[in-house]
Protein backbone atom coordinates (compact mmCIF):
# COMPACT_ATOMS: atom_id res chain seq x y z
CA MET A 1 -90.26 -24.52 -2.24
CA ALA A 2 -87.80 -27.39 -2.08
CA LYS A 3 -85.75 -25.81 -4.90
CA LYS A 4 -85.56 -22.47 -3.07
CA TYR A 5 -84.52 -24.25 0.13
CA LEU A 6 -81.75 -26.15 -1.70
CA ALA A 7 -80.57 -23.00 -3.52
CA LYS A 8 -80.38 -21.05 -0.24
CA ARG A 9 -78.58 -23.96 1.38
CA GLY A 10 -76.03 -24.14 -1.51
CA ILE A 11 -75.41 -20.40 -1.36
CA ALA A 12 -74.97 -20.58 2.43
CA ALA A 13 -72.50 -23.47 2.03
CA LEU A 14 -70.59 -21.53 -0.62
CA VAL A 15 -70.43 -18.41 1.58
CA ILE A 16 -69.17 -20.47 4.52
CA ALA A 17 -66.51 -22.17 2.33
CA VAL A 18 -65.29 -18.82 0.98
CA ALA A 19 -65.21 -17.35 4.49
CA LEU A 20 -63.19 -20.30 5.79
CA THR A 21 -60.74 -20.05 2.88
CA MET A 22 -60.28 -16.32 3.41
CA GLY A 23 -59.89 -16.83 7.14
CA THR A 24 -57.16 -19.40 6.58
CA ALA A 25 -55.32 -17.10 4.18
CA VAL A 26 -55.60 -14.15 6.55
CA GLY A 27 -54.22 -16.29 9.39
CA THR A 28 -51.23 -17.30 7.25
CA ALA A 29 -50.49 -13.74 6.21
CA PHE A 30 -50.89 -12.57 9.80
CA ALA A 31 -48.52 -15.26 11.06
CA TYR A 32 -45.93 -14.26 8.42
CA TYR A 33 -45.97 -10.66 9.51
CA THR A 34 -45.81 -11.42 13.23
CA ASP A 35 -42.72 -13.65 12.68
CA THR A 36 -40.55 -10.86 11.24
CA THR A 37 -38.02 -9.11 13.44
CA GLN A 38 -35.80 -6.08 13.18
CA ALA A 39 -32.20 -5.63 14.26
CA LYS A 40 -30.33 -2.41 14.87
CA GLY A 41 -26.63 -1.71 15.20
CA MET A 42 -23.48 -1.57 13.13
CA VAL A 43 -20.92 -4.14 12.09
CA SER A 44 -17.41 -2.94 11.34
CA PHE A 45 -16.36 -4.05 7.87
CA SER A 46 -13.01 -3.58 6.21
CA TYR A 47 -12.88 -3.97 2.46
CA ASN A 48 -9.55 -4.55 0.79
CA PRO A 49 -10.01 -3.88 -2.94
CA ASN A 50 -6.53 -5.18 -3.72
CA PRO A 51 -5.77 -8.29 -1.61
CA PRO A 52 -2.47 -10.15 -1.96
CA THR A 53 -2.46 -13.40 -3.96
CA THR A 54 0.22 -16.07 -4.09
CA GLU A 55 0.71 -19.56 -5.50
CA VAL A 56 2.93 -22.56 -4.84
CA GLU A 57 5.70 -23.23 -7.36
CA GLU A 58 6.87 -26.86 -7.27
CA TYR A 59 9.54 -28.49 -9.37
CA LYS A 60 11.93 -31.45 -9.10
CA VAL A 61 15.63 -31.09 -8.48
CA ASP A 62 17.62 -34.36 -8.35
CA GLY A 63 14.38 -36.29 -7.81
CA GLN A 64 13.36 -34.17 -4.80
CA LYS A 65 10.46 -31.72 -4.46
CA THR A 66 11.62 -28.09 -4.43
CA VAL A 67 9.14 -25.42 -3.36
CA ALA A 68 8.90 -21.63 -3.59
CA ILE A 69 5.95 -19.24 -3.19
CA LYS A 70 5.28 -16.68 -5.94
CA ASN A 71 3.44 -13.40 -5.39
CA THR A 72 0.88 -13.27 -8.22
CA GLY A 73 -0.87 -10.15 -6.91
CA GLU A 74 -0.22 -6.43 -7.11
CA VAL A 75 0.83 -5.73 -3.49
CA ASP A 76 3.60 -7.01 -1.20
CA ALA A 77 2.66 -10.22 0.65
CA MET A 78 3.80 -12.13 3.72
CA VAL A 79 3.68 -15.91 3.20
CA ARG A 80 3.71 -19.16 5.11
CA VAL A 81 3.69 -22.80 3.98
CA LYS A 82 2.86 -26.15 5.49
CA VAL A 83 4.07 -29.51 4.22
CA PHE A 84 1.93 -32.63 4.67
CA TYR A 85 3.40 -36.12 4.31
CA PRO A 86 2.79 -39.54 5.88
CA GLU A 87 4.62 -40.52 9.04
CA PHE A 88 6.31 -43.84 8.45
CA PRO A 89 7.36 -46.36 11.11
CA GLU A 90 11.09 -46.15 11.78
CA ASP A 91 11.83 -49.65 10.47
CA TRP A 92 10.42 -48.74 7.03
CA GLY A 93 13.55 -46.73 6.28
CA VAL A 94 11.80 -43.58 5.01
CA THR A 95 12.60 -40.12 6.35
CA ILE A 96 11.24 -36.77 5.18
CA SER A 97 13.03 -33.52 5.97
CA ILE A 98 12.67 -29.89 4.96
CA GLU A 99 15.95 -28.36 3.85
CA PRO A 100 16.17 -24.68 2.92
CA GLY A 101 18.62 -23.75 0.19
CA GLU A 102 21.43 -21.30 0.81
CA GLU A 103 19.27 -18.30 -0.06
CA GLY A 104 16.31 -19.68 1.91
CA ALA A 105 18.08 -20.18 5.22
CA GLU A 106 15.71 -17.68 6.84
CA TRP A 107 12.60 -19.87 6.47
CA THR A 108 11.56 -20.26 10.10
CA GLN A 109 9.13 -21.90 12.48
CA ASP A 110 10.21 -19.63 15.36
CA VAL A 111 6.93 -17.75 15.31
CA VAL A 112 4.37 -17.04 18.00
CA GLY A 113 0.71 -16.03 17.80
CA VAL A 114 -1.80 -14.76 20.34
CA ASP A 115 -5.00 -16.36 21.59
CA ALA A 116 -8.34 -14.60 22.22
CA ASP A 117 -7.12 -13.40 25.63
CA GLY A 118 -3.88 -11.97 24.21
CA ASN A 119 -1.68 -14.77 25.56
CA PRO A 120 1.17 -16.05 23.37
CA THR A 121 0.57 -19.32 21.52
CA PRO A 122 3.37 -21.38 19.94
CA ASN A 123 3.57 -22.38 16.28
CA SER A 124 2.38 -25.91 17.02
CA GLU A 125 0.88 -26.57 13.57
CA GLY A 126 4.20 -26.73 11.72
CA TRP A 127 3.90 -23.64 9.51
CA LEU A 128 7.10 -22.34 7.89
CA TYR A 129 7.22 -18.55 7.57
CA TRP A 130 9.24 -16.40 5.18
CA PRO A 131 10.13 -13.37 7.36
CA HIS A 132 10.29 -10.77 4.57
CA PRO A 133 7.69 -9.27 2.21
CA VAL A 134 7.49 -10.84 -1.23
CA ALA A 135 7.11 -8.19 -3.96
CA PRO A 136 4.61 -8.61 -6.83
CA GLY A 137 5.94 -10.98 -9.48
CA LYS A 138 8.74 -12.24 -7.19
CA SER A 139 9.16 -15.57 -5.41
CA THR A 140 10.53 -16.62 -2.04
CA PRO A 141 13.81 -18.51 -1.96
CA ALA A 142 13.17 -22.22 -2.42
CA PHE A 143 13.37 -25.07 0.06
CA THR A 144 13.53 -28.80 -0.62
CA VAL A 145 11.28 -31.47 0.83
CA LYS A 146 13.82 -34.29 0.87
CA ALA A 147 12.70 -37.92 0.96
CA THR A 148 15.46 -40.34 1.96
CA LEU A 149 15.00 -44.10 1.48
CA THR A 150 17.35 -46.44 3.32
CA ASN A 151 15.21 -49.55 2.77
CA LYS A 152 15.83 -50.73 -0.82
CA ASP A 153 12.67 -52.88 -0.70
CA PHE A 154 10.35 -49.91 -0.05
CA ASN A 155 8.30 -49.26 -3.20
CA GLN A 156 5.04 -47.73 -1.98
CA PRO A 157 4.03 -44.42 -3.58
CA PHE A 158 3.13 -41.56 -1.23
CA ASP A 159 2.19 -37.91 -1.55
CA ILE A 160 3.92 -34.81 -0.26
CA THR A 161 1.44 -31.92 -0.29
CA VAL A 162 2.32 -28.25 0.15
CA VAL A 163 -0.26 -25.62 1.12
CA GLN A 164 0.35 -21.91 1.51
CA GLN A 165 -1.32 -18.81 2.88
CA CYS A 166 -0.57 -15.15 2.41
CA THR A 167 -1.48 -11.87 4.03
CA SER A 168 -0.87 -8.22 3.32
CA ALA A 169 2.56 -6.85 4.26
CA LYS A 170 1.00 -3.51 5.31
CA SER A 171 1.70 -4.04 9.04
CA PHE A 172 5.23 -5.46 8.56
CA VAL A 173 8.15 -3.27 9.62
CA GLU A 174 11.70 -4.54 9.01
CA GLY A 175 13.40 -5.27 12.35
CA GLN A 176 10.08 -5.57 14.23
CA PRO A 177 8.66 -9.00 15.22
CA LEU A 178 5.13 -8.65 13.72
CA LEU A 179 4.86 -10.53 10.42
CA GLY A 180 1.17 -9.93 9.77
CA THR A 181 -2.34 -11.20 10.45
CA PHE A 182 -2.96 -14.62 8.92
CA ALA A 183 -6.20 -16.66 8.93
CA ASP A 184 -5.67 -17.66 12.57
CA GLY A 185 -4.54 -14.27 13.87
CA GLU A 186 -1.43 -12.14 14.29
CA LYS A 187 1.94 -13.90 13.95
CA SER A 188 5.26 -12.54 15.20
CA LEU A 189 8.84 -13.71 15.04
CA ILE A 190 10.41 -14.91 18.27
CA MET A 191 13.17 -12.35 18.58
CA PRO A 192 16.51 -13.44 20.11
CA ALA A 193 17.14 -12.03 23.56
CA LYS A 194 19.54 -9.10 23.71
CA ASP A 195 22.65 -9.29 25.88
CA GLY A 196 21.80 -8.71 29.53
CA GLU A 197 18.11 -9.64 29.20
């Protein structure tokens, strides 16, 4: 009789353990399914299968950094560049300037953007814009980043870094101010005022 009692007790314990295990698993599965959600609606998506691509071309002329941007893609591109360099105290005798060549005289910073409310925003980040489309395989006219040293004792190395961005020239129309839509929004030339305005 004791053996039967123990066998029944073992079976009962086993049944309870299995039931608890199954109950825990069911609770987990149930929680997983109740945590899922659904969303409805559409997101507008524009796919450009042929985006513009460009690269920086840098070379030295008379010991100075000369820069141009080459269109390496298959469509016309609008480009802009930014030059990063350290700001030196005046008494160190180091000055950095950006000097367009004769052909590159049209490089400009006279560009305005728009904020989220449609208000004009100035080009306060120092981007230089080339105001014409660059055809595939062609390069912009070059400009020079000129470092002038007036202190003969200055011998610290420093970096001059050039970054560039491009956008499609699809929305550009010669004679109109809009250059294109860059990473931070639409950019337009500041057009000179006409006589009488």
